[in-house]
N, C-alpha and C. Protein backbone atom coordinates (compact mmCIF):
# COMPACT_ATOMS: atom_id res chain seq x y z
N UNK A 1 99.27 72.38 106.24
CA UNK A 1 99.22 73.76 106.66
C UNK A 1 100.39 74.02 107.61
N UNK A 2 101.03 75.16 107.51
CA UNK A 2 102.21 75.40 108.34
C UNK A 2 101.88 75.64 109.81
N UNK A 3 100.64 75.93 110.14
CA UNK A 3 100.26 76.16 111.53
C UNK A 3 99.41 75.01 112.04
N UNK A 4 99.70 74.55 113.23
CA UNK A 4 98.92 73.49 113.85
C UNK A 4 97.67 74.10 114.49
N UNK A 5 96.59 73.35 114.58
CA UNK A 5 95.34 73.88 115.15
C UNK A 5 95.50 74.48 116.55
N UNK A 6 96.38 73.91 117.36
CA UNK A 6 96.56 74.44 118.72
C UNK A 6 97.33 75.76 118.75
N UNK A 7 97.91 76.17 117.62
CA UNK A 7 98.65 77.43 117.54
C UNK A 7 97.77 78.60 117.09
N UNK A 8 96.53 78.32 116.75
CA UNK A 8 95.63 79.35 116.24
C UNK A 8 94.39 79.41 117.12
N UNK A 9 93.94 80.61 117.42
CA UNK A 9 92.68 80.79 118.14
C UNK A 9 91.86 81.84 117.41
N UNK A 10 90.61 81.55 117.15
CA UNK A 10 89.69 82.48 116.50
C UNK A 10 88.55 82.78 117.46
N UNK A 11 88.28 84.05 117.65
CA UNK A 11 87.18 84.48 118.50
C UNK A 11 86.16 85.20 117.63
N UNK A 12 84.89 84.90 117.85
CA UNK A 12 83.81 85.54 117.11
C UNK A 12 82.89 86.23 118.10
N UNK A 13 82.68 87.50 117.90
CA UNK A 13 81.80 88.27 118.77
C UNK A 13 80.75 88.93 117.88
N UNK A 14 79.51 88.84 118.29
CA UNK A 14 78.46 89.51 117.52
C UNK A 14 77.47 90.18 118.46
N UNK A 15 76.80 91.16 117.94
CA UNK A 15 75.82 91.89 118.73
C UNK A 15 75.21 93.00 117.90
N UNK A 16 74.30 93.71 118.48
CA UNK A 16 73.63 94.80 117.77
C UNK A 16 74.46 96.06 117.93
N UNK A 17 74.77 96.70 116.79
CA UNK A 17 75.55 97.93 116.80
C UNK A 17 74.71 99.14 117.15
N UNK A 18 75.35 100.32 117.22
CA UNK A 18 74.63 101.53 117.59
C UNK A 18 73.53 101.92 116.60
N UNK A 19 73.65 101.43 115.37
CA UNK A 19 72.62 101.74 114.38
C UNK A 19 71.50 100.70 114.35
N UNK A 20 71.54 99.72 115.24
CA UNK A 20 70.49 98.72 115.33
C UNK A 20 70.71 97.50 114.46
N UNK A 21 71.77 97.49 113.64
CA UNK A 21 72.08 96.34 112.79
C UNK A 21 73.02 95.39 113.51
N UNK A 22 72.89 94.12 113.20
CA UNK A 22 73.79 93.12 113.77
C UNK A 22 75.19 93.29 113.19
N UNK A 23 76.17 93.15 114.01
CA UNK A 23 77.57 93.24 113.61
C UNK A 23 78.30 92.02 114.14
N UNK A 24 79.26 91.56 113.36
CA UNK A 24 80.09 90.44 113.79
C UNK A 24 81.55 90.79 113.61
N UNK A 25 82.37 90.40 114.54
CA UNK A 25 83.81 90.65 114.47
C UNK A 25 84.52 89.33 114.74
N UNK A 26 85.53 89.07 113.95
CA UNK A 26 86.35 87.87 114.12
C UNK A 26 87.78 88.32 114.41
N UNK A 27 88.35 87.80 115.47
CA UNK A 27 89.74 88.06 115.82
C UNK A 27 90.50 86.74 115.69
N UNK A 28 91.65 86.81 115.05
CA UNK A 28 92.48 85.62 114.87
C UNK A 28 93.79 85.85 115.61
N UNK A 29 94.14 84.92 116.48
CA UNK A 29 95.36 84.98 117.26
C UNK A 29 96.25 83.80 116.88
N UNK A 30 97.53 84.09 116.66
CA UNK A 30 98.49 83.03 116.31
C UNK A 30 99.61 83.06 117.34
N UNK A 31 99.99 81.90 117.81
CA UNK A 31 101.05 81.76 118.80
C UNK A 31 102.35 82.36 118.26
N UNK A 32 103.03 83.12 119.11
CA UNK A 32 104.28 83.78 118.70
C UNK A 32 105.35 82.81 118.26
N UNK A 33 105.42 81.64 118.90
CA UNK A 33 106.44 80.65 118.52
C UNK A 33 106.19 80.14 117.10
N UNK A 34 104.93 80.03 116.73
CA UNK A 34 104.61 79.59 115.36
C UNK A 34 105.04 80.64 114.35
N UNK A 35 104.81 81.91 114.68
CA UNK A 35 105.26 82.98 113.79
C UNK A 35 106.77 83.02 113.69
N UNK A 36 107.44 82.77 114.80
CA UNK A 36 108.90 82.74 114.81
C UNK A 36 109.42 81.64 113.90
N UNK A 37 108.78 80.48 113.96
CA UNK A 37 109.18 79.34 113.14
C UNK A 37 109.05 79.65 111.65
N UNK A 38 108.04 80.47 111.29
CA UNK A 38 107.81 80.81 109.88
C UNK A 38 108.57 82.05 109.44
N UNK A 39 109.30 82.68 110.36
CA UNK A 39 110.03 83.90 110.01
C UNK A 39 109.14 85.12 109.93
N UNK A 40 108.00 85.10 110.60
CA UNK A 40 107.05 86.20 110.52
C UNK A 40 106.90 86.98 111.82
N UNK A 41 107.65 86.63 112.84
CA UNK A 41 107.54 87.31 114.13
C UNK A 41 108.15 88.69 114.02
N UNK A 42 107.57 89.66 114.71
CA UNK A 42 108.02 91.05 114.61
C UNK A 42 109.42 91.28 115.15
N UNK A 43 109.96 90.34 115.92
CA UNK A 43 111.32 90.49 116.45
C UNK A 43 112.37 89.87 115.53
N UNK A 44 111.96 89.37 114.38
CA UNK A 44 112.91 88.79 113.45
C UNK A 44 113.20 89.79 112.32
N UNK A 45 114.44 89.88 111.86
CA UNK A 45 114.80 90.83 110.81
C UNK A 45 114.01 90.63 109.51
N UNK A 46 113.66 89.40 109.19
CA UNK A 46 112.97 89.13 107.93
C UNK A 46 111.54 89.66 107.92
N UNK A 47 110.99 89.98 109.08
CA UNK A 47 109.60 90.44 109.13
C UNK A 47 109.48 91.95 108.94
N UNK A 48 110.61 92.63 108.80
CA UNK A 48 110.62 94.08 108.66
C UNK A 48 111.02 94.44 107.23
N UNK A 49 110.38 95.45 106.68
CA UNK A 49 110.75 95.93 105.34
C UNK A 49 112.15 96.50 105.43
N UNK A 50 113.04 96.01 104.58
CA UNK A 50 114.43 96.45 104.66
C UNK A 50 114.93 97.08 103.37
N UNK A 51 114.02 97.49 102.52
CA UNK A 51 114.42 98.13 101.28
C UNK A 51 113.27 98.89 100.67
N UNK A 52 113.53 99.59 99.59
CA UNK A 52 112.46 100.37 98.96
C UNK A 52 111.42 99.47 98.31
N UNK A 53 110.23 99.99 98.18
CA UNK A 53 109.15 99.27 97.52
C UNK A 53 109.40 99.27 96.01
N UNK A 54 108.96 98.24 95.30
CA UNK A 54 109.12 98.24 93.86
C UNK A 54 108.40 99.44 93.23
N UNK A 55 108.83 99.88 92.05
CA UNK A 55 108.20 101.04 91.41
C UNK A 55 106.75 100.76 91.04
N UNK A 56 105.98 101.83 90.82
CA UNK A 56 104.56 101.72 90.51
C UNK A 56 104.27 100.87 89.29
N UNK A 57 105.10 100.96 88.25
CA UNK A 57 104.85 100.19 87.04
C UNK A 57 104.92 98.70 87.32
N UNK A 58 105.77 98.30 88.27
CA UNK A 58 105.91 96.89 88.61
C UNK A 58 104.60 96.35 89.16
N UNK A 59 103.96 97.12 90.05
CA UNK A 59 102.68 96.71 90.63
C UNK A 59 101.61 96.63 89.54
N UNK A 60 101.58 97.63 88.65
CA UNK A 60 100.59 97.64 87.58
C UNK A 60 100.78 96.44 86.65
N UNK A 61 102.02 96.12 86.32
CA UNK A 61 102.30 94.97 85.45
C UNK A 61 101.89 93.67 86.12
N UNK A 62 102.13 93.56 87.42
CA UNK A 62 101.76 92.36 88.15
C UNK A 62 100.25 92.19 88.14
N UNK A 63 99.51 93.28 88.32
CA UNK A 63 98.04 93.19 88.29
C UNK A 63 97.54 92.84 86.90
N UNK A 64 98.15 93.39 85.87
CA UNK A 64 97.73 93.05 84.49
C UNK A 64 97.96 91.58 84.20
N UNK A 65 99.05 91.04 84.68
CA UNK A 65 99.41 89.65 84.39
C UNK A 65 98.57 88.64 85.16
N UNK A 66 97.82 89.06 86.17
CA UNK A 66 96.99 88.12 86.92
C UNK A 66 95.70 87.80 86.19
N UNK A 67 95.32 88.61 85.23
CA UNK A 67 94.03 88.41 84.54
C UNK A 67 94.18 87.58 83.32
């Protein structure tokens, strides 16, 4: 796995919501240096969209080909 266990933190919070049902929320935190190493940090040029999105037919063809 590209991330080491000490670079990831997961928090789980649960309780009763306003409607009386139990709710659970999971938050995942990843160390910024780990994201930088993978080229995914928001301060790196590769993490920003730098061109137009592929046309709609491309997405539809990709979905058809997955089945």
